[in-house]
Amino acid sequence: MAFTPSKDQRRRDREQKKIDKRIAREAAKVEKLAAEQAAEEAATLEAFYKTEEGIKAKEEADFEAELAAEAAASA
């Protein structure tokens, strides 16, 4: 005779499936919000680098990175 799950077991399986779907939806929302935030920050940074002040800041940051790389290479 074949084994069939009890009604309680099937109910628990359905409830677990619902919980798993809810968790997956919430995780997708979090990932979407994180991606949107990262895109917004990138756009803001890009707009900043197009200003005169941003151009100077980027040049200074690049120069500092070059100095750090040279110091690391010589050490």
PDB file of N, CA and C in Angstrom:
ATOM      1  N   MET A   1       0.836  -1.170   0.000  1.00  0.00           N
ATOM      2  CA  MET A   1       0.000   0.000   0.000  1.00  0.00           C
ATOM      3  C   MET A   1       0.890   1.245   0.000  1.00  0.00           C
ATOM      4  N   ALA A   2       0.493   2.250  -0.755  1.00  0.00           N
ATOM      5  CA  ALA A   2       1.286   3.466  -0.917  1.00  0.00           C
ATOM      6  C   ALA A   2       1.095   4.377   0.293  1.00  0.00           C
ATOM      7  N   PHE A   3       2.174   5.085   0.608  1.00  0.00           N
ATOM      8  CA  PHE A   3       2.139   6.028   1.728  1.00  0.00           C
ATOM      9  C   PHE A   3       1.574   7.356   1.237  1.00  0.00           C
ATOM     10  N   THR A   4       0.605   7.883   1.952  1.00  0.00           N
ATOM     11  CA  THR A   4       0.076   9.213   1.650  1.00  0.00           C
ATOM     12  C   THR A   4       0.251  10.075   2.895  1.00  0.00           C
ATOM     13  N   PRO A   5       0.686  11.318   2.702  1.00  0.00           N
ATOM     14  CA  PRO A   5       0.896  12.187   3.859  1.00  0.00           C
ATOM     15  C   PRO A   5      -0.438  12.534   4.527  1.00  0.00           C
ATOM     16  N   SER A   6      -0.377  12.773   5.809  1.00  0.00           N
ATOM     17  CA  SER A   6      -1.588  13.130   6.548  1.00  0.00           C
ATOM     18  C   SER A   6      -2.031  14.538   6.164  1.00  0.00           C
ATOM     19  N   LYS A   7      -3.249  14.851   6.542  1.00  0.00           N
ATOM     20  CA  LYS A   7      -3.766  16.200   6.266  1.00  0.00           C
ATOM     21  C   LYS A   7      -2.921  17.254   6.982  1.00  0.00           C
ATOM     22  N   ASP A   8      -2.505  16.938   8.182  1.00  0.00           N
ATOM     23  CA  ASP A   8      -1.673  17.884   8.926  1.00  0.00           C
ATOM     24  C   ASP A   8      -0.343  18.118   8.220  1.00  0.00           C
ATOM     25  N   GLN A   9       0.243  17.063   7.721  1.00  0.00           N
ATOM     26  CA  GLN A   9       1.519  17.192   7.013  1.00  0.00           C
ATOM     27  C   GLN A   9       1.357  18.031   5.746  1.00  0.00           C
ATOM     28  N   ARG A  10       0.296  17.787   5.004  1.00  0.00           N
ATOM     29  CA  ARG A  10       0.053  18.582   3.793  1.00  0.00           C
ATOM     30  C   ARG A  10      -0.177  20.046   4.135  1.00  0.00           C
ATOM     31  N   ARG A  11      -0.906  20.293   5.236  1.00  0.00           N
ATOM     32  CA  ARG A  11      -1.145  21.670   5.673  1.00  0.00           C
ATOM     33  C   ARG A  11       0.180  22.338   6.049  1.00  0.00           C
ATOM     34  N   ARG A  12       1.026  21.639   6.794  1.00  0.00           N
ATOM     35  CA  ARG A  12       2.336  22.192   7.160  1.00  0.00           C
ATOM     36  C   ARG A  12       3.189  22.463   5.920  1.00  0.00           C
ATOM     37  N   ASP A  13       3.117  21.562   4.941  1.00  0.00           N
ATOM     38  CA  ASP A  13       3.868  21.759   3.694  1.00  0.00           C
ATOM     39  C   ASP A  13       3.382  23.003   2.947  1.00  0.00           C
ATOM     40  N   ARG A  14       2.061  23.183   2.875  1.00  0.00           N
ATOM     41  CA  ARG A  14       1.511  24.375   2.204  1.00  0.00           C
ATOM     42  C   ARG A  14       1.939  25.647   2.926  1.00  0.00           C
ATOM     43  N   GLU A  15       1.851  25.631   4.258  1.00  0.00           N
ATOM     44  CA  GLU A  15       2.230  26.803   5.036  1.00  0.00           C
ATOM     45  C   GLU A  15       3.717  27.108   4.873  1.00  0.00           C
ATOM     46  N   GLN A  16       4.550  26.074   4.859  1.00  0.00           N
ATOM     47  CA  GLN A  16       5.986  26.285   4.671  1.00  0.00           C
ATOM     48  C   GLN A  16       6.272  26.860   3.289  1.00  0.00           C
ATOM     49  N   LYS A  17       5.537  26.376   2.303  1.00  0.00           N
ATOM     50  CA  LYS A  17       5.713  26.886   0.936  1.00  0.00           C
ATOM     51  C   LYS A  17       5.355  28.373   0.874  1.00  0.00           C
ATOM     52  N   LYS A  18       4.278  28.752   1.554  1.00  0.00           N
ATOM     53  CA  LYS A  18       3.872  30.163   1.598  1.00  0.00           C
ATOM     54  C   LYS A  18       4.950  31.003   2.286  1.00  0.00           C
ATOM     55  N   ILE A  19       5.486  30.486   3.385  1.00  0.00           N
ATOM     56  CA  ILE A  19       6.528  31.207   4.111  1.00  0.00           C
ATOM     57  C   ILE A  19       7.763  31.379   3.232  1.00  0.00           C
ATOM     58  N   ASP A  20       8.145  30.319   2.526  1.00  0.00           N
ATOM     59  CA  ASP A  20       9.308  30.388   1.636  1.00  0.00           C
ATOM     60  C   ASP A  20       9.102  31.424   0.538  1.00  0.00           C
ATOM     61  N   LYS A  21       7.903  31.464  -0.028  1.00  0.00           N
ATOM     62  CA  LYS A  21       7.612  32.455  -1.069  1.00  0.00           C
ATOM     63  C   LYS A  21       7.683  33.865  -0.503  1.00  0.00           C
ATOM     64  N   ARG A  22       7.154  34.078   0.704  1.00  0.00           N
ATOM     65  CA  ARG A  22       7.172  35.402   1.326  1.00  0.00           C
ATOM     66  C   ARG A  22       8.610  35.842   1.580  1.00  0.00           C
ATOM     67  N   ILE A  23       9.419  34.928   2.079  1.00  0.00           N
ATOM     68  CA  ILE A  23      10.827  35.256   2.333  1.00  0.00           C
ATOM     69  C   ILE A  23      11.532  35.614   1.033  1.00  0.00           C
ATOM     70  N   ALA A  24      11.257  34.860  -0.039  1.00  0.00           N
ATOM     71  CA  ALA A  24      11.877  35.152  -1.331  1.00  0.00           C
ATOM     72  C   ALA A  24      11.441  36.518  -1.854  1.00  0.00           C
ATOM     73  N   ARG A  25      10.163  36.859  -1.690  1.00  0.00           N
ATOM     74  CA  ARG A  25       9.677  38.182  -2.131  1.00  0.00           C
ATOM     75  C   ARG A  25      10.354  39.293  -1.353  1.00  0.00           C
ATOM     76  N   GLU A  26      10.468  39.118  -0.042  1.00  0.00           N
ATOM     77  CA  GLU A  26      11.103  40.141   0.776  1.00  0.00           C
ATOM     78  C   GLU A  26      12.578  40.293   0.430  1.00  0.00           C
ATOM     79  N   ALA A  27      13.248  39.190   0.153  1.00  0.00           N
ATOM     80  CA  ALA A  27      14.655  39.255  -0.238  1.00  0.00           C
ATOM     81  C   ALA A  27      14.800  39.982  -1.573  1.00  0.00           C
ATOM     82  N   ALA A  28      13.880  39.720  -2.506  1.00  0.00           N
ATOM     83  CA  ALA A  28      13.917  40.394  -3.799  1.00  0.00           C
ATOM     84  C   ALA A  28      13.699  41.900  -3.625  1.00  0.00           C
ATOM     85  N   LYS A  29      12.803  42.278  -2.713  1.00  0.00           N
ATOM     86  CA  LYS A  29      12.567  43.704  -2.458  1.00  0.00           C
ATOM     87  C   LYS A  29      13.822  44.371  -1.904  1.00  0.00           C
ATOM     88  N   VAL A  30      14.489  43.684  -0.982  1.00  0.00           N
ATOM     89  CA  VAL A  30      15.704  44.235  -0.385  1.00  0.00           C
ATOM     90  C   VAL A  30      16.781  44.403  -1.454  1.00  0.00           C
ATOM     91  N   GLU A  31      16.941  43.394  -2.309  1.00  0.00           N
ATOM     92  CA  GLU A  31      17.934  43.482  -3.387  1.00  0.00           C
ATOM     93  C   GLU A  31      17.601  44.621  -4.344  1.00  0.00           C
ATOM     94  N   LYS A  32      16.318  44.773  -4.659  1.00  0.00           N
ATOM     95  CA  LYS A  32      15.903  45.837  -5.573  1.00  0.00           C
ATOM     96  C   LYS A  32      16.195  47.212  -4.964  1.00  0.00           C
ATOM     97  N   LEU A  33      15.873  47.379  -3.688  1.00  0.00           N
ATOM     98  CA  LEU A  33      16.136  48.654  -3.024  1.00  0.00           C
ATOM     99  C   LEU A  33      17.629  48.944  -2.959  1.00  0.00           C
ATOM    100  N   ALA A  34      18.425  47.918  -2.695  1.00  0.00           N
ATOM    101  CA  ALA A  34      19.881  48.103  -2.637  1.00  0.00           C
ATOM    102  C   ALA A  34      20.417  48.501  -4.007  1.00  0.00           C
ATOM    103  N   ALA A  35      19.904  47.871  -5.061  1.00  0.00           N
ATOM    104  CA  ALA A  35      20.344  48.205  -6.413  1.00  0.00           C
ATOM    105  C   ALA A  35      19.941  49.630  -6.777  1.00  0.00           C
ATOM    106  N   GLU A  36      18.726  50.015  -6.412  1.00  0.00           N
ATOM    107  CA  GLU A  36      18.270  51.382  -6.689  1.00  0.00           C
ATOM    108  C   GLU A  36      19.119  52.400  -5.933  1.00  0.00           C
ATOM    109  N   GLN A  37      19.434  52.097  -4.683  1.00  0.00           N
ATOM    110  CA  GLN A  37      20.249  53.007  -3.883  1.00  0.00           C
ATOM    111  C   GLN A  37      21.648  53.130  -4.466  1.00  0.00           C
ATOM    112  N   ALA A  38      22.224  52.015  -4.893  1.00  0.00           N
ATOM    113  CA  ALA A  38      23.559  52.050  -5.489  1.00  0.00           C
ATOM    114  C   ALA A  38      23.550  52.858  -6.787  1.00  0.00           C
ATOM    115  N   ALA A  39      22.511  52.681  -7.592  1.00  0.00           N
ATOM    116  CA  ALA A  39      22.405  53.434  -8.840  1.00  0.00           C
ATOM    117  C   ALA A  39      22.250  54.925  -8.559  1.00  0.00           C
ATOM    118  N   GLU A  40      21.478  55.255  -7.544  1.00  0.00           N
ATOM    119  CA  GLU A  40      21.276  56.660  -7.185  1.00  0.00           C
ATOM    120  C   GLU A  40      22.586  57.279  -6.698  1.00  0.00           C
ATOM    121  N   GLU A  41      23.330  56.529  -5.879  1.00  0.00           N
ATOM    122  CA  GLU A  41      24.610  57.036  -5.389  1.00  0.00           C
ATOM    123  C   GLU A  41      25.596  57.219  -6.538  1.00  0.00           C
ATOM    124  N   ALA A  42      25.597  56.279  -7.478  1.00  0.00           N
ATOM    125  CA  ALA A  42      26.491  56.386  -8.631  1.00  0.00           C
ATOM    126  C   ALA A  42      26.132  57.603  -9.475  1.00  0.00           C
ATOM    127  N   ALA A  43      24.840  57.843  -9.662  1.00  0.00           N
ATOM    128  CA  ALA A  43      24.407  58.998 -10.446  1.00  0.00           C
ATOM    129  C   ALA A  43      24.790  60.298  -9.740  1.00  0.00           C
ATOM    130  N   THR A  44      24.628  60.324  -8.434  1.00  0.00           N
ATOM    131  CA  THR A  44      25.000  61.514  -7.666  1.00  0.00           C
ATOM    132  C   THR A  44      26.499  61.767  -7.752  1.00  0.00           C
ATOM    133  N   LEU A  45      27.272  60.709  -7.615  1.00  0.00           N
ATOM    134  CA  LEU A  45      28.724  60.841  -7.699  1.00  0.00           C
ATOM    135  C   LEU A  45      29.148  61.289  -9.101  1.00  0.00           C
ATOM    136  N   GLU A  46      28.518  60.738 -10.118  1.00  0.00           N
ATOM    137  CA  GLU A  46      28.829  61.127 -11.495  1.00  0.00           C
ATOM    138  C   GLU A  46      28.516  62.604 -11.719  1.00  0.00           C
ATOM    139  N   ALA A  47      27.373  63.050 -11.189  1.00  0.00           N
ATOM    140  CA  ALA A  47      27.012  64.466 -11.322  1.00  0.00           C
ATOM    141  C   ALA A  47      28.004  65.343 -10.569  1.00  0.00           C
ATOM    142  N   PHE A  48      28.462  64.873  -9.415  1.00  0.00           N
ATOM    143  CA  PHE A  48      29.448  65.639  -8.644  1.00  0.00           C
ATOM    144  C   PHE A  48      30.754  65.761  -9.416  1.00  0.00           C
ATOM    145  N   TYR A  49      31.179  64.683 -10.063  1.00  0.00           N
ATOM    146  CA  TYR A  49      32.444  64.710 -10.802  1.00  0.00           C
ATOM    147  C   TYR A  49      32.380  65.582 -12.054  1.00  0.00           C
ATOM    148  N   LYS A  50      31.180  65.995 -12.450  1.00  0.00           N
ATOM    149  CA  LYS A  50      31.060  66.891 -13.601  1.00  0.00           C
ATOM    150  C   LYS A  50      31.163  68.356 -13.194  1.00  0.00           C
ATOM    151  N   THR A  51      31.127  68.610 -11.880  1.00  0.00           N
ATOM    152  CA  THR A  51      31.287  69.991 -11.415  1.00  0.00           C
ATOM    153  C   THR A  51      32.776  70.295 -11.269  1.00  0.00           C
ATOM    154  N   GLU A  52      33.095  71.567 -11.216  1.00  0.00           N
ATOM    155  CA  GLU A  52      34.496  71.975 -11.084  1.00  0.00           C
ATOM    156  C   GLU A  52      35.105  71.447  -9.787  1.00  0.00           C
ATOM    157  N   GLU A  53      34.355  71.553  -8.724  1.00  0.00           N
ATOM    158  CA  GLU A  53      34.821  71.061  -7.425  1.00  0.00           C
ATOM    159  C   GLU A  53      35.027  69.537  -7.473  1.00  0.00           C
ATOM    160  N   GLY A  54      34.143  68.847  -8.145  1.00  0.00           N
ATOM    161  CA  GLY A  54      34.245  67.395  -8.266  1.00  0.00           C
ATOM    162  C   GLY A  54      35.444  66.967  -9.086  1.00  0.00           C
ATOM    163  N   ILE A  55      35.718  67.712 -10.132  1.00  0.00           N
ATOM    164  CA  ILE A  55      36.874  67.404 -10.979  1.00  0.00           C
ATOM    165  C   ILE A  55      38.154  67.517 -10.164  1.00  0.00           C
ATOM    166  N   LYS A  56      38.257  68.586  -9.360  1.00  0.00           N
ATOM    167  CA  LYS A  56      39.442  68.761  -8.512  1.00  0.00           C
ATOM    168  C   LYS A  56      39.543  67.636  -7.487  1.00  0.00           C
ATOM    169  N   ALA A  57      38.429  67.264  -6.893  1.00  0.00           N
ATOM    170  CA  ALA A  57      38.425  66.202  -5.891  1.00  0.00           C
ATOM    171  C   ALA A  57      38.847  64.870  -6.510  1.00  0.00           C
ATOM    172  N   LYS A  58      38.372  64.607  -7.721  1.00  0.00           N
ATOM    173  CA  LYS A  58      38.735  63.357  -8.400  1.00  0.00           C
ATOM    174  C   LYS A  58      40.226  63.346  -8.739  1.00  0.00           C
ATOM    175  N   GLU A  59      40.748  64.470  -9.211  1.00  0.00           N
ATOM    176  CA  GLU A  59      42.175  64.553  -9.518  1.00  0.00           C
ATOM    177  C   GLU A  59      43.012  64.333  -8.261  1.00  0.00           C
ATOM    178  N   GLU A  60      42.590  64.930  -7.146  1.00  0.00           N
ATOM    179  CA  GLU A  60      43.316  64.747  -5.889  1.00  0.00           C
ATOM    180  C   GLU A  60      43.258  63.298  -5.423  1.00  0.00           C
ATOM    181  N   ALA A  61      42.111  62.678  -5.564  1.00  0.00           N
ATOM    182  CA  ALA A  61      41.965  61.281  -5.156  1.00  0.00           C
ATOM    183  C   ALA A  61      42.834  60.382  -6.029  1.00  0.00           C
ATOM    184  N   ASP A  62      42.861  60.644  -7.332  1.00  0.00           N
ATOM    185  CA  ASP A  62      43.703  59.861  -8.233  1.00  0.00           C
ATOM    186  C   ASP A  62      45.183  60.032  -7.880  1.00  0.00           C
ATOM    187  N   PHE A  63      45.573  61.264  -7.580  1.00  0.00           N
ATOM    188  CA  PHE A  63      46.961  61.537  -7.211  1.00  0.00           C
ATOM    189  C   PHE A  63      47.328  60.802  -5.921  1.00  0.00           C
ATOM    190  N   GLU A  64      46.450  60.847  -4.932  1.00  0.00           N
ATOM    191  CA  GLU A  64      46.704  60.145  -3.670  1.00  0.00           C
ATOM    192  C   GLU A  64      46.813  58.641  -3.904  1.00  0.00           C
ATOM    193  N   ALA A  65      45.986  58.095  -4.796  1.00  0.00           N
ATOM    194  CA  ALA A  65      46.043  56.668  -5.106  1.00  0.00           C
ATOM    195  C   ALA A  65      47.358  56.318  -5.762  1.00  0.00           C
ATOM    196  N   GLU A  66      47.829  57.176  -6.661  1.00  0.00           N
ATOM    197  CA  GLU A  66      49.118  56.944  -7.309  1.00  0.00           C
ATOM    198  C   GLU A  66      50.258  56.972  -6.288  1.00  0.00           C
ATOM    199  N   LEU A  67      50.224  57.935  -5.371  1.00  0.00           N
ATOM    200  CA  LEU A  67      51.242  58.003  -4.322  1.00  0.00           C
ATOM    201  C   LEU A  67      51.236  56.754  -3.445  1.00  0.00           C
ATOM    202  N   ALA A  68      50.077  56.295  -3.104  1.00  0.00           N
ATOM    203  CA  ALA A  68      49.948  55.104  -2.268  1.00  0.00           C
ATOM    204  C   ALA A  68      50.486  53.883  -3.020  1.00  0.00           C
ATOM    205  N   ALA A  69      50.181  53.798  -4.310  1.00  0.00           N
ATOM    206  CA  ALA A  69      50.663  52.674  -5.115  1.00  0.00           C
ATOM    207  C   ALA A  69      52.187  52.696  -5.235  1.00  0.00           C
ATOM    208  N   GLU A  70      52.747  53.881  -5.432  1.00  0.00           N
ATOM    209  CA  GLU A  70      54.210  54.007  -5.517  1.00  0.00           C
ATOM    210  C   GLU A  70      54.864  53.658  -4.190  1.00  0.00           C
ATOM    211  N   ALA A  71      54.255  54.092  -3.082  1.00  0.00           N
ATOM    212  CA  ALA A  71      54.800  53.789  -1.766  1.00  0.00           C
ATOM    213  C   ALA A  71      54.746  52.277  -1.486  1.00  0.00           C
ATOM    214  N   ALA A  72      53.684  51.656  -1.924  1.00  0.00           N
ATOM    215  CA  ALA A  72      53.546  50.214  -1.715  1.00  0.00           C
ATOM    216  C   ALA A  72      54.530  49.447  -2.586  1.00  0.00           C
ATOM    217  N   ALA A  73      54.775  49.942  -3.788  1.00  0.00           N
ATOM    218  CA  ALA A  73      55.701  49.280  -4.705  1.00  0.00           C
ATOM    219  C   ALA A  73      57.144  49.416  -4.214  1.00  0.00           C
ATOM    220  N   SER A  74      57.473  50.544  -3.616  1.00  0.00           N
ATOM    221  CA  SER A  74      58.845  50.756  -3.172  1.00  0.00           C
ATOM    222  C   SER A  74      59.129  50.088  -1.815  1.00  0.00           C
ATOM    223  N   ALA A  75      58.078  49.757  -1.097  1.00  0.00           N
ATOM    224  CA  ALA A  75      58.265  49.140   0.241  1.00  0.00           C
ATOM    225  C   ALA A  75      58.515  47.664   0.181  1.00  0.00           C
TER     226      ALA A  75
END
